[in-house]
N, C-alpha and C. Protein backbone atom coordinates (compact mmCIF):
# COMPACT_ATOMS: atom_id res chain seq x y z
N UNK A 1 114.65 120.15 90.95
CA UNK A 1 114.95 118.55 90.85
C UNK A 1 113.61 117.57 90.90
N UNK A 2 113.61 117.61 89.74
CA UNK A 2 111.90 116.14 90.01
C UNK A 2 112.03 115.10 90.08
N UNK A 3 111.03 114.21 90.68
CA UNK A 3 110.66 113.05 91.01
C UNK A 3 111.35 111.94 89.53
N UNK A 4 111.83 110.92 90.20
CA UNK A 4 112.22 109.92 89.45
C UNK A 4 111.42 108.86 89.63
N UNK A 5 110.58 108.02 88.94
CA UNK A 5 109.93 106.85 89.17
C UNK A 5 109.85 105.71 88.26
N UNK A 6 108.88 104.45 88.28
CA UNK A 6 108.94 103.74 87.38
C UNK A 6 107.14 103.34 87.23
N UNK A 7 107.07 103.55 85.99
CA UNK A 7 106.05 102.81 85.72
C UNK A 7 105.72 101.91 84.70
N UNK A 8 104.81 100.92 85.15
CA UNK A 8 104.66 100.03 84.69
C UNK A 8 102.98 99.50 84.44
N UNK A 9 102.35 98.71 83.25
CA UNK A 9 100.98 98.11 82.93
C UNK A 9 101.24 96.67 83.71
N UNK A 10 100.40 96.40 84.21
CA UNK A 10 100.06 95.50 85.11
C UNK A 10 99.01 94.12 84.40
N UNK A 11 99.56 93.16 84.05
CA UNK A 11 98.37 92.36 83.16
C UNK A 11 98.46 90.78 83.80
N UNK A 12 97.46 90.30 83.55
CA UNK A 12 97.09 89.01 84.23
C UNK A 12 96.35 87.95 82.84
N UNK A 13 96.51 86.65 83.17
CA UNK A 13 95.69 85.81 82.45
C UNK A 13 95.84 84.48 83.34
N UNK A 14 95.27 83.67 83.67
CA UNK A 14 93.85 83.70 82.33
C UNK A 14 92.83 84.81 82.70
N UNK A 15 92.45 85.41 81.41
CA UNK A 15 91.01 86.29 81.41
C UNK A 15 89.89 86.07 80.90
N UNK A 16 88.47 85.57 81.02
CA UNK A 16 88.49 86.39 82.75
C UNK A 16 89.29 85.04 83.93
N UNK A 17 89.40 85.26 85.12
CA UNK A 17 89.70 84.00 86.19
C UNK A 17 88.39 83.90 86.98
N UNK A 18 88.50 81.95 87.09
CA UNK A 18 87.13 81.61 87.33
C UNK A 18 87.82 81.42 88.71
N UNK A 19 86.28 81.11 89.17
CA UNK A 19 86.22 81.13 90.90
C UNK A 19 84.85 80.37 91.15
N UNK A 20 85.00 79.45 91.45
CA UNK A 20 84.07 78.47 92.25
C UNK A 20 83.41 79.00 94.07
N UNK A 21 82.12 79.09 93.58
CA UNK A 21 81.80 79.82 95.15
C UNK A 21 80.89 78.55 95.71
N UNK A 22 81.25 77.68 96.80
CA UNK A 22 80.53 77.17 97.29
C UNK A 22 79.82 77.83 98.42
N UNK A 23 78.65 77.19 98.78
CA UNK A 23 77.43 78.02 99.54
C UNK A 23 77.50 77.00 100.38
N UNK A 24 77.31 77.43 101.79
CA UNK A 24 77.15 76.04 102.92
C UNK A 24 76.04 77.56 103.73
N UNK A 25 75.79 76.35 105.06
CA UNK A 25 75.44 77.04 105.86
C UNK A 25 75.72 76.36 107.47
N UNK A 26 75.77 77.41 108.61
CA UNK A 26 76.18 76.98 109.74
C UNK A 26 74.91 77.47 110.87
N UNK A 27 74.10 76.34 110.90
CA UNK A 27 73.06 76.41 112.27
C UNK A 27 72.45 77.95 111.19
N UNK A 28 72.48 78.81 111.64
CA UNK A 28 71.81 80.09 110.66
C UNK A 28 72.33 81.00 109.98
N UNK A 29 73.71 80.60 109.71
CA UNK A 29 74.59 81.71 108.91
C UNK A 29 75.09 80.29 107.81
N UNK A 30 74.78 81.44 106.80
CA UNK A 30 75.22 81.43 105.21
C UNK A 30 76.12 81.92 104.85
N UNK A 31 77.05 80.93 104.13
CA UNK A 31 78.69 81.15 103.77
C UNK A 31 78.89 80.89 102.64
N UNK A 32 80.30 81.72 102.37
CA UNK A 32 80.51 81.27 100.56
C UNK A 32 81.82 81.08 101.07
N UNK A 33 82.68 80.21 100.65
CA UNK A 33 83.74 79.88 100.21
C UNK A 33 84.01 80.24 98.77
N UNK A 34 85.54 80.55 98.51
CA UNK A 34 86.10 80.38 97.55
C UNK A 34 87.41 79.62 96.91
N UNK A 35 86.92 78.69 95.81
CA UNK A 35 88.21 77.68 95.42
C UNK A 35 88.12 77.83 94.04
N UNK A 36 88.87 76.72 93.34
CA UNK A 36 89.33 76.79 91.97
C UNK A 36 89.82 77.95 91.27
N UNK A 37 90.60 78.94 92.27
CA UNK A 37 91.39 80.12 91.59
C UNK A 37 92.56 79.64 90.93
N UNK A 38 92.88 79.53 90.13
CA UNK A 38 94.16 79.44 89.63
C UNK A 38 95.39 80.00 89.77
N UNK A 39 96.41 79.81 89.34
CA UNK A 39 97.67 80.58 89.44
C UNK A 39 97.46 81.51 88.28
N UNK A 40 97.93 82.59 88.42
CA UNK A 40 98.19 83.28 87.48
C UNK A 40 98.92 84.12 86.97
N UNK A 41 99.11 84.33 85.89
CA UNK A 41 100.38 84.76 84.59
C UNK A 41 100.47 86.05 85.32
N UNK A 42 100.83 86.97 85.61
CA UNK A 42 100.79 88.43 86.08
C UNK A 42 102.39 89.33 85.35
N UNK A 43 102.02 89.83 84.28
CA UNK A 43 103.32 90.45 84.23
C UNK A 43 103.03 92.24 84.19
N UNK A 44 104.05 92.40 84.27
CA UNK A 44 104.90 93.86 84.48
C UNK A 44 105.23 94.37 83.03
N UNK A 45 104.88 95.19 81.88
CA UNK A 45 105.34 96.00 81.29
C UNK A 45 105.74 97.38 81.12
N UNK A 46 106.77 97.80 81.06
CA UNK A 46 107.32 99.33 80.93
C UNK A 46 106.30 100.19 80.47
N UNK A 47 105.77 101.17 81.13
CA UNK A 47 104.95 102.09 80.47
C UNK A 47 105.97 103.82 80.24
N UNK A 48 106.05 103.55 78.93
CA UNK A 48 107.07 104.69 78.10
C UNK A 48 106.18 106.08 78.39
N UNK A 49 106.81 106.86 79.06
CA UNK A 49 105.71 108.54 79.25
C UNK A 49 107.46 109.23 78.30
N UNK A 50 107.12 110.37 78.31
CA UNK A 50 107.77 111.71 78.16
C UNK A 50 108.83 111.13 78.53
N UNK A 51 108.97 111.14 79.91
CA UNK A 51 110.60 111.36 81.15
C UNK A 51 111.24 110.28 80.76
N UNK A 52 112.13 110.93 79.78
CA UNK A 52 113.24 109.50 79.48
C UNK A 52 113.90 108.56 80.34
N UNK A 53 114.24 109.81 81.66
CA UNK A 53 115.07 108.90 82.83
C UNK A 53 113.77 107.94 83.20
N UNK A 54 112.72 108.35 83.57
CA UNK A 54 111.64 107.37 84.17
C UNK A 54 111.56 105.88 83.54
N UNK A 55 111.30 106.26 81.84
CA UNK A 55 111.23 105.17 80.59
C UNK A 55 112.85 104.31 80.77
N UNK A 56 113.55 104.58 81.22
CA UNK A 56 115.09 103.97 81.35
C UNK A 56 115.07 103.37 82.54
N UNK A 57 114.61 104.08 83.46
CA UNK A 57 114.35 103.18 84.73
C UNK A 57 113.53 101.99 84.84
N UNK A 58 112.50 102.13 84.52
CA UNK A 58 111.47 101.33 84.37
C UNK A 58 111.80 100.47 83.24
N UNK A 59 112.60 100.51 82.43
CA UNK A 59 112.84 99.61 81.54
C UNK A 59 113.92 98.23 82.01
N UNK A 60 115.19 99.25 83.07
CA UNK A 60 116.07 98.60 83.53
C UNK A 60 115.37 97.69 84.59
N UNK A 61 114.34 97.92 85.38
CA UNK A 61 114.30 97.83 86.36
C UNK A 61 112.32 96.32 86.08
N UNK A 62 112.28 96.12 84.91
CA UNK A 62 111.57 95.42 84.29
C UNK A 62 111.89 93.58 85.31
N UNK A 63 112.98 93.20 84.88
CA UNK A 63 113.24 91.89 85.79
C UNK A 63 112.84 91.89 87.20
N UNK A 64 113.05 92.72 87.44
CA UNK A 64 113.25 92.38 89.08
C UNK A 64 111.36 92.82 89.51
N UNK A 65 110.94 93.50 88.79
CA UNK A 65 109.46 93.66 88.87
C UNK A 65 108.39 92.30 88.01
N UNK A 66 109.27 91.86 86.94
CA UNK A 66 108.14 90.44 86.78
C UNK A 66 108.12 89.34 87.91
N UNK A 67 109.94 89.47 88.33
CA UNK A 67 109.89 88.48 89.46
C UNK A 67 108.95 88.57 90.72
N UNK A 68 108.86 89.61 90.85
CA UNK A 68 107.79 89.77 91.64
C UNK A 68 106.26 89.74 91.48
N UNK A 69 105.94 90.22 90.49
CA UNK A 69 104.84 90.05 90.09
C UNK A 69 104.02 88.66 89.91
N UNK A 70 105.54 88.03 89.43
CA UNK A 70 105.44 86.22 88.58
C UNK A 70 105.00 85.31 90.07
N UNK A 71 105.74 85.50 90.78
CA UNK A 71 105.29 84.97 92.24
C UNK A 71 104.56 85.28 92.85
N UNK A 72 103.82 86.64 92.88
CA UNK A 72 102.42 86.53 93.55
C UNK A 72 101.74 86.53 92.72
N UNK A 73 101.51 85.74 91.63
CA UNK A 73 100.89 85.30 90.59
C UNK A 73 100.61 84.03 91.48
N UNK A 74 101.46 83.44 91.18
CA UNK A 74 101.50 81.91 91.34
C UNK A 74 101.24 81.58 92.88
N UNK A 75 100.95 82.41 93.51
CA UNK A 75 100.43 81.82 95.12
C UNK A 75 99.02 82.83 95.28
N UNK A 76 98.65 83.61 94.19
CA UNK A 76 97.35 83.99 94.19
C UNK A 76 96.15 82.65 94.19
N UNK A 77 95.95 81.84 93.79
CA UNK A 77 95.35 80.90 94.23
C UNK A 77 95.68 80.28 95.68
N UNK A 78 96.90 80.04 96.11
CA UNK A 78 97.30 79.19 97.38
C UNK A 78 96.61 80.58 98.59
N UNK A 79 96.70 81.72 98.53
CA UNK A 79 95.95 82.72 99.10
C UNK A 79 94.76 82.70 99.86
N UNK A 80 93.73 82.70 98.34
CA UNK A 80 92.24 82.85 97.95
C UNK A 80 91.81 81.48 98.45
N UNK A 81 92.18 80.35 97.62
CA UNK A 81 91.57 79.19 97.63
C UNK A 81 91.05 78.81 99.30
N UNK A 82 89.83 78.69 99.72
CA UNK A 82 89.48 78.11 100.95
C UNK A 82 88.83 78.87 101.75
N UNK A 83 89.12 80.55 101.07
CA UNK A 83 88.96 81.32 102.09
C UNK A 83 87.06 81.35 102.03
N UNK A 84 86.51 81.74 103.46
CA UNK A 84 85.10 81.96 103.58
C UNK A 84 84.84 82.73 104.44
N UNK A 85 83.63 83.26 104.24
CA UNK A 85 83.14 84.58 104.18
C UNK A 85 81.26 84.30 104.58
N UNK A 86 81.15 84.79 106.02
CA UNK A 86 80.02 85.11 106.60
C UNK A 86 79.06 86.12 105.38
N UNK A 87 77.93 85.46 104.76
CA UNK A 87 77.08 86.24 104.31
C UNK A 87 76.00 87.09 104.84
N UNK A 88 75.30 86.19 104.95
CA UNK A 88 74.31 86.49 105.78
C UNK A 88 73.52 85.22 106.92
N UNK A 89 72.82 86.19 108.01
CA UNK A 89 72.34 85.52 108.85
C UNK A 89 70.66 84.61 108.50
N UNK A 90 69.94 83.94 108.69
CA UNK A 90 68.72 83.86 108.31
C UNK A 90 67.81 84.59 109.63
N UNK A 91 66.93 85.87 109.62
CA UNK A 91 66.25 86.28 111.11
C UNK A 91 65.28 85.47 111.26
N UNK A 92 65.38 85.66 112.28
CA UNK A 92 63.79 85.22 113.54
C UNK A 92 63.02 86.14 112.17
N UNK A 93 61.39 84.88 111.99
CA UNK A 93 60.48 85.48 111.73
C UNK A 93 59.20 86.10 112.16
N UNK A 94 59.31 87.41 112.51
CA UNK A 94 57.78 87.93 113.71
C UNK A 94 56.90 87.81 112.33
N UNK A 95 55.45 87.37 113.16
CA UNK A 95 54.26 87.65 112.30
C UNK A 95 52.83 88.22 112.78
N UNK A 96 51.71 88.46 112.02
CA UNK A 96 50.58 88.99 113.07
C UNK A 96 49.68 88.69 112.37
N UNK A 97 49.20 87.63 112.39
CA UNK A 97 47.77 86.93 111.42
C UNK A 97 46.76 87.28 112.39
N UNK A 98 45.59 88.21 111.75
CA UNK A 98 44.21 88.22 112.66
C UNK A 98 44.81 88.53 113.81
N UNK A 99 45.27 89.02 114.46
CA UNK A 99 45.49 89.62 115.97
C UNK A 99 46.67 88.37 116.52
N UNK A 100 46.78 87.11 115.71
CA UNK A 100 47.77 86.17 115.87
C UNK A 100 49.16 86.46 116.04
N UNK A 101 49.77 87.19 116.72
CA UNK A 101 51.28 86.93 116.70
C UNK A 101 52.70 86.45 117.31
N UNK A 102 53.68 86.11 116.74
CA UNK A 102 54.22 85.14 117.57
C UNK A 102 55.86 85.39 116.53
N UNK A 103 56.84 84.23 116.82
CA UNK A 103 57.88 84.49 116.03
C UNK A 103 58.91 83.14 115.48
N UNK A 104 58.78 83.07 114.51
CA UNK A 104 59.26 81.96 113.92
C UNK A 104 60.90 81.94 114.44
N UNK A 105 61.30 80.85 114.73
CA UNK A 105 63.06 81.35 115.23
C UNK A 105 63.55 79.88 114.39
N UNK A 106 64.17 80.40 113.55
CA UNK A 106 64.85 79.13 112.48
C UNK A 106 66.22 78.67 113.74
N UNK A 107 66.46 77.26 113.29
CA UNK A 107 67.64 76.45 114.06
C UNK A 107 68.42 75.47 112.71
N UNK A 108 69.33 74.73 113.10
CA UNK A 108 69.98 73.63 112.58
C UNK A 108 69.27 73.63 110.78
N UNK A 109 69.78 74.99 110.11
CA UNK A 109 69.35 74.63 109.12
C UNK A 109 70.36 74.03 107.91
N UNK A 110 70.05 73.79 107.28
CA UNK A 110 70.59 73.25 105.72
C UNK A 110 70.47 73.54 104.64
N UNK A 111 70.97 73.41 103.65
CA UNK A 111 70.93 73.11 102.37
C UNK A 111 70.73 72.31 101.63
N UNK A 112 69.87 72.21 100.02
CA UNK A 112 69.88 71.25 99.70
C UNK A 112 69.37 71.06 97.84
N UNK A 113 69.39 70.94 96.95
CA UNK A 113 68.80 70.97 96.20
C UNK A 113 67.62 70.24 95.70
N UNK A 114 66.84 70.64 95.13
CA UNK A 114 64.85 70.69 94.75
C UNK A 114 64.90 70.96 93.71
N UNK A 115 64.84 70.28 92.92
CA UNK A 115 64.26 70.44 90.93
C UNK A 115 65.12 71.67 91.01
N UNK A 116 66.40 71.24 91.01
CA UNK A 116 67.54 72.17 90.58
C UNK A 116 67.54 73.61 91.35
N UNK A 117 66.84 73.80 92.27
CA UNK A 117 67.02 75.44 92.86
C UNK A 117 67.49 74.72 94.62
N UNK A 118 67.58 75.91 94.83
CA UNK A 118 68.75 75.86 96.51
C UNK A 118 67.35 75.75 97.20
N UNK A 119 67.02 74.74 98.43
CA UNK A 119 66.41 74.44 99.49
C UNK A 119 66.99 74.75 100.83
N UNK A 120 66.32 75.54 101.28
CA UNK A 120 67.06 75.53 103.38
C UNK A 120 65.57 74.99 103.51
N UNK A 121 66.62 74.38 104.58
CA UNK A 121 65.34 73.47 105.41
C UNK A 121 65.80 73.26 106.97
N UNK A 122 65.06 73.27 107.65
CA UNK A 122 65.40 73.12 109.03
C UNK A 122 64.76 72.85 110.20
N UNK A 123 65.10 73.47 111.61
CA UNK A 123 63.96 73.31 112.45
C UNK A 123 63.35 74.56 112.78
N UNK A 124 62.11 75.06 113.16
CA UNK A 124 61.63 76.04 113.12
C UNK A 124 61.00 76.16 114.83
N UNK A 125 61.29 77.36 115.74
CA UNK A 125 60.09 77.25 117.06
C UNK A 125 59.33 78.29 116.54
N UNK A 126 58.35 78.26 117.17
CA UNK A 126 57.08 79.09 117.51
C UNK A 126 56.97 79.76 118.58
N UNK A 127 57.13 80.74 118.76
CA UNK A 127 57.08 81.71 119.88
C UNK A 127 55.90 82.34 119.88
């Protein structure tokens, strides 16, 4: 007895999917938040192969498959928008110049725009 299955091609729009990345900083941790993810239109199209039974079952199951994919696509933006991720931490900066060594420790960092470039400013403690 052979396996019976379904086979679909999944398509979505819009293509490409646009996403806004909001960059922020909390003390010394750089964070990215995802926003602007649109509702996706996701559709399933049966993939016909040489197996007639699999092709028939895939075709019959298309309405159910599309009900599932359309509902998932509708919630994609709601699921993803607002999620934030820690990207990196601004480290302590050790130095050794002409026999003088120490460490600069950043704190209370802020992000801002300076002549269309990213500027990170804050407090540094010299140890």
